[in-house]
Protein backbone atom coordinates (compact mmCIF):
# COMPACT_ATOMS: atom_id res chain seq x y z
CA MET A 1 -4.21 -9.36 25.80
CA ALA A 2 -1.05 -7.75 26.79
CA ARG A 3 -0.34 -6.97 30.47
CA HIS A 4 1.36 -4.58 32.23
CA ASP A 5 2.61 -4.53 36.00
CA LEU A 6 2.60 -0.51 36.30
CA GLY A 7 3.76 -0.11 39.58
CA ARG A 8 1.88 0.59 42.54
CA ARG A 9 1.84 3.61 44.64
CA ALA A 10 0.14 5.89 46.64
CA PRO A 11 -1.65 8.74 45.35
CA GLY A 12 0.55 11.90 45.26
CA ARG A 13 -0.52 15.53 45.26
CA GLY A 14 0.21 16.68 41.67
CA ARG A 15 -0.89 15.95 39.00
CA ARG A 16 -23.91 3.80 34.01
CA ARG A 17 -24.00 1.19 33.50
CA ASN A 18 -23.07 -2.30 33.79
CA ALA A 19 -24.60 -2.57 30.06
CA LEU A 20 -21.77 -0.46 29.11
CA ALA A 21 -19.18 -1.62 31.03
CA LEU A 22 -19.83 -5.05 28.89
CA VAL A 23 -19.50 -3.39 25.54
CA VAL A 24 -16.61 -1.79 26.90
CA THR A 25 -14.77 -5.00 27.79
CA VAL A 26 -15.80 -6.83 24.49
CA LEU A 27 -14.42 -4.25 22.21
CA ALA A 28 -11.43 -3.80 24.01
CA ALA A 29 -10.13 -7.08 23.01
CA ALA A 30 -9.28 -5.82 19.60
CA ALA A 31 -7.05 -3.30 21.20
CA ALA A 32 -4.44 -6.48 22.19
CA GLY A 33 -1.49 -5.90 21.55
CA ALA A 34 -0.44 -2.01 21.45
CA ALA A 35 2.68 -0.92 21.77
CA ILE A 36 2.58 0.50 25.21
CA VAL A 37 5.32 1.35 27.72
CA SER A 38 5.45 2.01 31.37
CA GLY A 39 4.21 4.90 32.60
CA ARG A 40 2.37 7.88 31.47
CA PRO A 41 2.07 7.22 28.02
CA ALA A 42 3.90 9.53 25.57
CA ASP A 43 1.13 9.78 23.13
CA VAL A 44 -1.12 11.40 25.12
CA PRO A 45 -1.42 15.41 24.89
CA GLY A 46 -2.21 18.11 27.38
CA SER A 47 -5.39 18.25 29.10
CA PRO A 48 -7.67 19.06 26.34
CA ASP A 49 -9.09 22.97 26.31
CA PRO A 50 -12.09 23.21 28.36
CA VAL A 51 -15.58 23.22 26.33
CA VAL A 52 -17.91 25.81 27.05
CA ALA A 53 -21.32 26.15 26.40
CA ASP A 54 -22.58 27.75 22.89
CA ALA A 55 -23.18 31.30 22.95
CA GLY A 56 -25.84 32.78 23.88
CA THR A 57 -26.97 30.47 26.67
CA GLY A 58 -25.34 28.83 29.83
CA LEU A 59 -26.77 25.37 28.42
CA ALA A 60 -24.10 22.60 27.21
CA PHE A 61 -25.30 19.45 25.79
CA GLY A 62 -23.82 15.71 25.82
CA VAL A 63 -24.90 12.72 25.92
CA LEU A 64 -24.68 9.48 28.20
CA GLY A 65 -23.08 6.06 27.24
CA SER A 66 -20.78 6.85 24.23
CA ARG A 67 -17.88 5.52 22.73
CA CYS A 68 -16.81 8.35 20.69
CA ASP A 69 -17.20 5.93 18.08
CA PRO A 70 -15.17 7.64 14.77
CA GLU A 71 -18.76 7.02 12.91
CA ARG A 72 -20.30 9.33 15.18
CA VAL A 73 -18.82 11.69 17.02
CA ASP A 74 -18.59 14.24 13.79
CA ALA A 75 -22.64 14.07 13.71
CA LEU A 76 -22.41 14.45 17.27
CA SER A 77 -20.59 17.77 17.11
CA GLU A 78 -22.19 18.65 14.37
CA ALA A 79 -25.87 18.88 16.34
CA GLY A 80 -23.95 20.79 19.25
CA VAL A 81 -22.94 17.91 21.58
CA ARG A 82 -19.83 19.26 23.53
CA TYR A 83 -20.01 16.34 25.94
CA ALA A 84 -19.62 12.58 25.93
CA GLU A 85 -20.10 10.27 28.96
CA MET A 86 -17.52 7.33 28.41
CA GLY A 87 -18.22 4.11 30.92
CA LEU A 88 -14.83 2.90 32.04
CA SER A 89 -14.62 -0.82 33.17
CA TRP A 90 -12.12 -1.77 36.04
CA ALA A 91 -12.84 -5.48 35.72
CA SER A 92 -11.25 -4.94 31.98
CA PHE A 93 -8.22 -3.14 32.94
CA GLU A 94 -7.18 -4.90 36.32
CA PRO A 95 -8.49 -8.27 36.09
CA VAL A 96 -5.27 -9.76 38.25
CA PRO A 97 -4.25 -7.45 41.11
CA GLY A 98 -1.52 -5.31 40.08
CA GLU A 99 -1.72 -6.47 36.51
CA TYR A 100 -3.11 -3.87 34.17
CA ASP A 101 -4.00 -4.44 30.61
CA LEU A 102 -2.52 -2.26 28.74
CA GLY A 103 -4.69 -2.74 25.29
CA TYR A 104 -7.52 -1.66 27.14
CA ALA A 105 -6.02 1.51 27.92
CA ALA A 106 -4.78 1.88 24.52
CA TYR A 107 -8.38 1.25 23.22
CA VAL A 108 -9.75 4.02 25.80
CA ARG A 109 -7.29 6.51 24.69
CA ARG A 110 -7.78 6.15 21.27
CA HIS A 111 -11.84 6.63 21.38
CA ILE A 112 -11.01 10.15 23.30
CA ASP A 113 -8.90 11.33 20.88
CA GLU A 114 -11.88 10.69 18.57
CA CYS A 115 -14.06 12.88 20.92
CA ASP A 116 -11.54 15.41 21.19
CA ARG A 117 -10.74 15.67 17.29
CA ALA A 118 -14.32 16.11 17.09
CA GLY A 119 -14.11 19.11 19.88
CA ILE A 120 -16.21 17.11 22.58
CA GLY A 121 -15.25 16.55 26.12
CA VAL A 122 -14.97 13.27 27.42
CA VAL A 123 -16.60 12.53 31.06
CA PHE A 124 -15.68 9.64 32.51
CA THR A 125 -17.38 6.78 34.72
CA LEU A 126 -14.73 5.34 37.14
CA GLY A 127 -16.38 1.95 36.96
CA LEU A 128 -16.14 1.60 40.66
CA HIS A 129 -19.36 -0.43 39.91
CA SER A 130 -17.50 -2.60 37.22
CA ALA A 131 -15.14 -3.92 39.50
CA PRO A 132 -13.26 -7.27 39.26
CA GLY A 133 -14.55 -10.37 41.16
CA TRP A 134 -11.04 -10.49 43.31
CA VAL A 135 -12.11 -6.70 45.19
CA ALA A 136 -14.97 -8.12 47.12
CA GLU A 137 -13.21 -11.30 48.18
CA LEU A 138 -10.96 -8.57 50.09
CA PRO A 139 -11.67 -7.75 53.65
CA GLY A 140 -14.97 -6.65 54.16
CA GLY A 141 -15.08 -6.28 50.54
CA ALA A 142 -18.73 -7.17 50.11
CA TYR A 143 -21.32 -5.02 51.81
CA VAL A 144 -23.66 -7.32 54.21
CA ASN A 145 -27.37 -6.63 55.19
CA GLN A 146 -29.19 -7.60 57.83
CA HIS A 147 -30.37 -10.79 56.57
CA GLY A 148 -26.34 -12.29 56.35
CA ASP A 149 -26.47 -11.45 52.37
CA ARG A 150 -23.82 -10.38 50.64
CA GLY A 151 -23.98 -7.43 47.98
CA ASP A 152 -23.32 -6.62 44.33
CA ARG A 153 -19.72 -8.16 43.75
CA TYR A 154 -19.31 -5.62 41.18
CA ALA A 155 -19.89 -2.77 43.34
CA PRO A 156 -18.17 -3.84 46.16
CA ASN A 157 -17.80 -2.26 49.58
CA VAL A 158 -16.00 1.16 49.33
CA VAL A 159 -18.07 2.94 52.07
CA PHE A 160 -16.62 0.92 54.91
CA SER A 161 -14.14 -1.15 54.01
CA GLN A 162 -10.27 0.11 53.81
CA ALA A 163 -9.03 -2.85 52.17
CA VAL A 164 -11.57 -1.79 49.13
CA ARG A 165 -10.34 1.69 49.92
CA ASP A 166 -6.83 0.83 49.05
CA ALA A 167 -7.59 -1.00 46.03
CA VAL A 168 -9.82 1.88 44.14
CA ALA A 169 -6.79 4.30 45.39
CA GLU A 170 -4.33 2.08 43.23
CA TYR A 171 -7.01 1.23 40.65
CA LEU A 172 -7.21 5.17 40.01
CA ALA A 173 -3.08 5.76 40.31
CA ALA A 174 -2.84 2.98 37.61
CA LEU A 175 -5.46 4.70 35.52
CA ASP A 176 -3.92 8.14 35.70
CA ARG A 177 -0.57 6.62 34.46
CA ALA A 178 -2.02 4.76 31.80
CA VAL A 179 -5.00 6.93 30.08
CA GLY A 180 -4.34 10.12 32.04
CA LEU A 181 -7.52 11.27 34.36
CA ASP A 182 -6.98 14.46 33.32
CA ARG A 183 -8.24 13.72 29.62
CA ALA A 184 -11.36 14.01 31.19
CA ALA A 185 -13.30 17.20 31.21
CA ALA A 186 -15.29 15.65 34.15
CA ILE A 187 -15.56 12.59 35.97
CA ARG A 188 -18.87 11.46 37.08
CA VAL A 189 -18.27 10.37 40.90
CA GLY A 190 -20.97 7.34 42.98
CA THR A 191 -20.97 4.57 44.82
CA GLY A 192 -24.14 2.82 43.31
CA ILE A 193 -24.65 0.28 40.74
CA HIS A 194 -25.32 2.78 38.13
CA GLY A 195 -22.35 5.12 39.06
CA GLU A 196 -25.37 7.12 41.23
CA LEU A 197 -24.89 8.32 44.83
CA GLY A 198 -26.54 5.34 47.22
CA TYR A 199 -25.78 1.85 48.60
CA PRO A 200 -25.92 -0.49 45.50
CA GLY A 201 -27.98 -3.30 47.37
CA GLY A 202 -28.08 -6.81 46.04
CA GLU A 203 -30.30 -9.94 46.12
CA SER A 204 -31.84 -9.96 49.10
CA SER A 205 -33.30 -13.44 50.92
CA GLY A 206 -35.45 -10.83 53.67
CA TYR A 207 -37.52 -8.01 53.36
CA ASN A 208 -36.08 -4.41 53.67
CA PRO A 209 -32.32 -4.86 53.77
CA PHE A 210 -29.90 -2.35 54.76
CA TRP A 211 -26.12 -2.63 53.52
CA ALA A 212 -24.20 -1.96 56.62
CA PHE A 213 -24.19 -5.44 58.70
CA ASP A 214 -20.52 -6.26 57.58
CA ALA A 215 -17.75 -6.34 60.69
CA ALA A 216 -16.31 -3.17 59.32
CA ALA A 217 -19.98 -0.94 59.25
CA GLN A 218 -20.71 -3.13 62.82
CA GLU A 219 -17.61 -3.40 65.05
CA GLY A 220 -15.08 -1.33 63.35
CA VAL A 221 -13.01 -4.39 62.05
CA GLY A 222 -11.00 -3.10 58.52
CA LEU A 223 -12.97 0.22 59.12
CA ALA A 224 -12.17 2.51 56.28
CA ASP A 225 -10.17 5.78 57.76
CA GLY A 226 -12.64 8.17 58.32
CA ALA A 227 -15.68 6.09 58.39
CA GLU A 228 -17.43 5.64 61.75
CA PRO A 229 -19.37 2.31 63.08
CA SER A 230 -22.81 1.86 63.62
CA PRO A 231 -24.04 3.89 66.57
CA LEU A 232 -26.46 0.74 67.56
CA PRO A 233 -24.55 -1.91 66.46
CA GLY A 234 -26.41 -4.88 66.39
CA TRP A 235 -29.77 -3.02 65.54
CA ILE A 236 -31.84 -4.09 63.23
CA PRO A 237 -34.01 -1.89 61.20
CA GLY A 238 -37.39 -2.71 62.66
CA SER A 239 -36.80 -3.77 65.98
CA SER A 240 -38.23 -1.83 69.01
CA ALA A 241 -35.29 -2.87 71.32
CA TRP A 242 -31.50 -2.75 71.36
CA ASN A 243 -29.54 -4.36 74.27
CA GLY A 244 -32.88 -4.80 76.12
CA THR A 245 -34.00 -1.51 75.92
CA GLU A 246 -37.14 -0.11 73.89
CA VAL A 247 -35.39 2.26 70.55
CA GLY A 248 -36.80 5.81 70.44
CA THR A 249 -37.71 7.77 67.56
CA GLU A 250 -34.20 9.79 68.10
CA GLN A 251 -32.25 7.12 68.27
CA VAL A 252 -33.37 5.74 64.80
CA ARG A 253 -32.81 8.79 63.30
CA GLU A 254 -29.16 8.85 64.61
CA TRP A 255 -28.64 5.43 63.09
CA TYR A 256 -30.25 6.84 59.40
CA ARG A 257 -28.12 9.86 59.66
CA TRP A 258 -24.83 7.53 60.24
CA TYR A 259 -26.54 5.20 57.21
CA SER A 260 -26.51 7.63 54.72
CA ARG A 261 -24.03 10.10 55.99
CA SER A 262 -21.70 7.41 55.46
CA VAL A 263 -22.57 6.68 51.44
CA ALA A 264 -22.01 10.43 50.86
CA ASP A 265 -18.57 10.05 52.73
CA ALA A 266 -17.28 7.19 50.57
CA VAL A 267 -18.12 9.92 47.85
CA ILE A 268 -16.59 12.54 49.58
CA TRP A 269 -13.38 9.97 49.84
CA VAL A 270 -13.47 9.23 46.13
CA VAL A 271 -13.34 13.14 45.31
CA ARG A 272 -10.60 13.71 47.37
CA THR A 273 -8.33 10.78 45.96
CA LEU A 274 -8.78 12.22 42.60
CA ARG A 275 -7.80 15.12 43.57
CA ASP A 276 -4.55 14.00 45.63
CA GLN A 277 -3.89 11.94 41.94
CA GLY A 278 -3.83 15.50 40.73
CA TYR A 279 -6.81 15.61 38.65
CA GLU A 280 -8.75 19.49 39.18
CA ARG A 281 -11.30 19.04 36.67
CA ASP A 282 -15.11 19.21 36.84
CA ILE A 283 -16.70 16.43 39.25
CA HIS A 284 -20.27 15.12 38.55
CA PHE A 285 -22.77 13.47 41.44
CA PRO A 286 -25.22 11.73 39.51
CA LEU A 287 -28.71 11.29 41.79
CA ALA A 288 -31.42 9.03 41.17
CA GLY A 289 -34.44 10.08 41.23
CA ARG A 290 -35.81 12.01 44.32
CA GLY A 291 -34.58 10.00 47.56
CA ALA A 292 -36.27 9.77 50.27
CA LEU A 293 -39.06 12.95 51.18
CA PRO A 294 -39.22 14.67 54.50
CA ALA A 295 -42.48 13.63 55.31
CA ASP A 296 -41.93 10.03 54.23
CA LEU A 297 -38.44 10.23 56.28
CA GLU A 298 -40.58 11.18 59.42
CA ALA A 299 -43.05 8.55 58.81
CA ALA A 300 -40.19 5.79 58.66
CA LEU A 301 -38.34 6.59 61.71
CA ALA A 302 -41.65 6.75 63.84
CA ALA A 303 -41.72 3.15 62.66
CA ARG A 304 -37.92 2.17 63.53
CA MET A 305 -37.38 1.85 59.50
CA ASP A 306 -39.62 -0.85 59.15
CA GLY A 307 -39.97 -0.39 55.53
CA THR A 308 -43.08 2.19 56.18
CA ALA A 309 -43.40 4.90 53.69
CA ASP A 310 -40.59 3.66 51.47
CA ARG A 311 -41.73 4.39 48.10
CA ASP A 312 -38.78 2.83 45.98
CA GLY A 313 -35.95 1.56 48.03
CA SER A 314 -34.50 5.12 48.66
CA PHE A 315 -34.20 4.43 52.38
CA GLU A 316 -32.12 1.02 51.92
CA GLN A 317 -30.26 3.21 49.45
CA GLY A 318 -29.64 5.77 52.11
CA LEU A 319 -30.72 8.63 50.49
CA PHE A 320 -31.58 11.81 52.03
CA TYR A 321 -30.84 14.62 49.51
CA PRO A 322 -31.36 18.30 52.07
CA GLU A 323 -28.61 16.48 54.62
CA GLN A 324 -25.95 14.30 52.05
CA LEU A 325 -25.76 17.23 49.46
CA PRO A 326 -25.09 20.11 52.00
CA HIS A 327 -22.91 17.62 53.75
CA ILE A 328 -20.98 16.86 50.36
CA ALA A 329 -20.55 20.17 49.49
CA GLY A 330 -19.47 21.60 52.87
CA SER A 331 -16.90 18.41 53.35
CA LEU A 332 -15.35 19.19 49.63
CA ALA A 333 -15.28 23.62 50.50
CA SER A 334 -12.69 22.94 53.14
CA THR A 335 -10.27 21.00 50.64
CA GLU A 336 -11.09 22.02 47.22
CA GLN A 337 -8.65 24.55 45.59
CA PRO A 338 -9.12 28.07 43.53
CA GLY A 339 -9.00 27.27 40.13
CA TRP A 340 -10.33 23.64 40.14
CA GLY A 341 -13.06 22.50 38.25
CA SER A 342 -16.65 22.66 39.73
CA LEU A 343 -19.11 20.20 41.88
CA TYR A 344 -22.22 19.18 39.74
CA ALA A 345 -25.23 17.41 41.07
CA ASP A 346 -26.90 15.53 38.44
CA SER A 347 -30.13 14.94 38.56
CA SER A 348 -30.53 11.54 36.64
CA SER A 349 -34.37 11.79 36.51
CA VAL A 350 -35.32 14.69 34.32
CA ASP A 351 -38.91 13.89 33.03
CA ASP A 352 -39.22 10.96 34.43
CA ALA A 353 -42.37 9.38 36.05
CA THR A 354 -42.57 11.90 38.61
CA ALA A 355 -42.54 14.67 36.38
CA VAL A 356 -45.22 13.34 34.27
CA THR A 357 -47.42 13.25 37.44
CA ALA A 358 -46.58 16.64 38.50
CA ARG A 359 -47.16 17.95 35.29
CA GLN A 360 -50.68 17.17 35.51
CA LEU A 361 -51.19 18.74 38.36
CA ASP A 362 -53.31 22.19 38.87
CA PRO A 363 -51.02 23.88 38.89
CA PRO A 364 -48.10 21.97 37.77
CA GLN A 365 -45.37 21.17 39.58
CA ASP A 366 -43.29 19.60 37.56
CA SER A 367 -40.52 22.58 36.58
CA CYS A 368 -38.26 24.42 38.44
CA ARG A 369 -39.65 28.03 39.75
CA PRO A 370 -37.92 30.91 41.07
CA GLY A 371 -37.44 30.94 44.88
CA ASP A 372 -37.49 27.27 45.37
CA ALA A 373 -34.32 26.93 46.94
CA ASP A 374 -35.34 29.48 49.31
CA ARG A 375 -38.30 27.33 50.50
CA ASP A 376 -38.37 25.43 53.95
CA LEU A 377 -37.48 22.22 52.03
CA LEU A 378 -37.81 19.75 54.96
CA THR A 379 -41.23 21.15 56.25
CA GLU A 380 -43.85 22.31 53.80
CA PRO A 381 -46.01 19.92 52.97
CA ASP A 382 -46.28 21.05 48.99
CA VAL A 383 -42.43 19.87 48.11
CA GLY A 384 -44.05 16.04 47.98
CA GLN A 385 -45.67 16.91 44.89
CA TRP A 386 -42.94 18.23 43.11
CA SER A 387 -40.89 16.29 40.26
CA SER A 388 -38.00 14.43 41.14
CA VAL A 389 -35.44 17.22 38.97
CA ARG A 390 -37.43 20.21 40.88
CA TRP A 391 -37.14 18.67 44.09
CA THR A 392 -33.08 17.76 43.54
CA MET A 393 -31.93 20.74 41.75
CA ALA A 394 -33.88 22.83 44.78
CA ASN A 395 -31.36 20.78 47.53
CA ALA A 396 -28.63 20.96 44.84
CA ARG A 397 -28.77 24.60 44.49
CA THR A 398 -29.31 25.25 48.52
CA ALA A 399 -26.28 23.14 49.05
CA GLY A 400 -24.56 25.61 46.27
CA LEU A 401 -23.46 22.97 43.97
CA GLY A 402 -23.47 23.44 40.39
CA LEU A 403 -26.71 22.15 38.36
CA MET A 404 -26.96 19.61 35.63
CA GLY A 405 -28.95 16.77 34.58
CA GLU A 406 -30.01 13.59 32.37
CA ASN A 407 -33.38 12.36 31.30
CA PRO A 408 -34.21 8.69 32.26
CA GLY A 409 -34.15 6.67 28.84
CA SER A 410 -36.65 5.53 27.04
CA PRO A 411 -39.27 3.09 28.21
CA ASP A 412 -38.41 0.39 25.78
CA THR A 413 -34.57 0.67 26.44
CA PRO A 414 -33.76 -2.30 29.40
CA ARG A 415 -31.61 -1.32 32.16
CA THR A 416 -32.85 2.63 32.34
CA GLY A 417 -34.97 4.89 34.74
CA GLY A 418 -37.56 4.57 32.03
CA ASN A 419 -40.69 2.06 32.81
CA ASP A 420 -43.98 2.04 31.87
CA LEU A 421 -45.21 5.39 33.29
CA THR A 422 -42.32 7.63 31.92
CA ASP A 423 -43.12 9.67 29.07
CA SER A 424 -41.68 7.91 25.30
CA ALA A 425 -38.35 8.94 24.37
CA GLY A 426 -39.75 11.10 21.84
CA GLU A 427 -41.96 12.93 24.65
CA GLN A 428 -38.59 12.94 27.04
CA MET A 429 -37.04 15.18 24.11
CA ASP A 430 -39.63 17.63 24.02
CA HIS A 431 -40.01 17.71 27.99
CA ALA A 432 -36.31 17.15 29.18
CA PRO A 433 -34.16 19.97 27.22
CA ARG A 434 -36.92 22.70 28.51
CA TYR A 435 -36.89 21.41 32.29
CA ALA A 436 -32.94 21.55 31.96
CA LEU A 437 -33.38 25.57 30.40
CA GLU A 438 -35.73 26.16 33.16
CA CYS A 439 -34.04 24.86 36.46
CA GLY A 440 -30.97 26.53 35.04
CA MET A 441 -28.72 23.89 34.85
CA SER A 442 -25.42 24.33 33.05
CA LEU A 443 -25.17 20.94 31.05
CA PHE A 444 -27.95 18.12 29.97
CA MET A 445 -27.12 14.52 28.99
CA TRP A 446 -28.97 12.86 26.96
CA ALA A 447 -29.30 9.03 27.36
CA PHE A 448 -28.14 7.28 25.49
CA GLU A 449 -26.23 7.80 22.32
CA ASP A 450 -26.86 4.43 20.66
CA ASP A 451 -30.46 5.70 20.76
CA LEU A 452 -29.87 8.63 19.13
CA PHE A 453 -28.62 6.73 16.12
CA GLY A 454 -31.75 4.06 16.49
CA GLU A 455 -35.10 4.50 15.56
CA ARG A 456 -37.19 5.78 17.55
CA PRO A 457 -39.55 8.38 16.42
CA GLY A 458 -38.75 11.71 17.89
CA ALA A 459 -35.44 11.12 19.49
CA GLY A 460 -32.96 11.01 16.62
CA ILE A 461 -29.60 12.65 16.30
CA ASP A 462 -31.75 15.50 13.91
CA ASP A 463 -34.36 15.44 16.72
CA TYR A 464 -31.57 16.38 19.41
CA ALA A 465 -29.83 18.70 17.00
CA ALA A 466 -32.95 20.62 16.44
CA ARG A 467 -33.45 20.98 20.41
CA ILE A 468 -29.91 22.05 21.14
CA ARG A 469 -30.83 24.70 18.10
CA ALA A 470 -33.88 25.98 19.80
CA ALA A 471 -31.93 26.22 23.42
CA ARG A 472 -29.54 28.55 22.22
CA SER A 473 -32.37 31.21 20.87
CA ASP A 474 -35.01 30.08 23.38
CA GLU A 475 -35.88 33.63 25.06
CA ARG A 476 -37.04 32.22 28.24
CA ARG A 477 -33.68 30.81 28.80
CA PRO A 478 -31.75 31.58 32.46
CA GLY A 479 -30.26 35.41 32.23
CA ARG A 480 -27.25 34.07 33.93
CA LYS A 481 -23.92 32.86 31.23
CA GLY A 482 -22.01 30.51 33.54
CA THR A 483 -19.83 28.13 31.38
CA HIS A 484 -19.42 24.69 32.24
CA ARG A 485 -15.72 24.05 31.98
């Protein structure tokens, strides 16, 4: 493959999935030998015009897992698709530190050109969860849990390790020069294994693993600038004592707030790094499920985070949206500038298993309702019955973030959010766009593009086109007519 040293520089003012990353890695090989020059490539046009929602509705539609395939983009465009998420592979672009595969960059640019030609804006997933193996070998490069296990090597320790953050900043600067960050209509920012908010985790030899036990997190050795070490260094979740004294609920609360806020701070850092690099368009924050619910968190704190009330691993991932989303929005409000794009909370669980359960209640609790954001989301017990999308969108609206979402994917497709309790792909096609409308979202993304061109009953490209046409004329749509830039 053709490789080139693009040069290293500090970012300056001015300017989902593992399976998808592997597909892009393989296809990039076909681009080897392309003629590329150092610096920003001359054949990259200026930023594409903003793609907005169709006239008459505030909701735009997109697809996840796209390659902007020339054999598909016209069909997508004719169906009404306006956005296509493309997963980038850091491992493919920078297999060796400081050496960049320009054949891969050329491949990415050519496929962006295809989407541009069809009037479809490209949404980048940055590939921070498909990192080259050498990043995890940097000082503090891997997350470590209390059992001594190292985290997933493809999602290195961007939360606590300064060495990893330096590598990420260099990668983004080189990616900007080789591909052009401003070619993206939006960029998805996350820390988890699927590009979502949260600790990525990994295989664990013990129960209830929390991923903040490396030297940086515990002792401050090599700690990222602005990050903080543990307020209870050496304390193990579930332990009744710390430094010879009993641990109280408020001390555990302080520890967990540090744990969850640290991962939110890493997301904030990535956004600011993109802004420093000159990217000024939209930012998406994919959010998995509901995260931890307030009542569950109180029970877990009282049990010293020993695994009590942990429904789905949200505590270990550090997910508590009522505190994290206002923190992210409030922190970025101090640095975002007028004229820049918007910040969107992205519920990746529109019509997941919780929606199926909530739909069966009397009255149903599956879809958003007016006034949800005005409810006391921390103390009202009824919110525990809400679906993931209703809960997440209420917290996002309270925080002042934009709203968007995506369905979990067919339960027949491996490595998605679908499972045996989730609606079928055809049922998701019925319900998920409706939830997007009723929740007042600006953008809905279908998971995944490949499925639209498969043979799933009720979930093909023609079915998606029909839902998009219905959304344009739906009299129940939200009255606002915002655009998704």
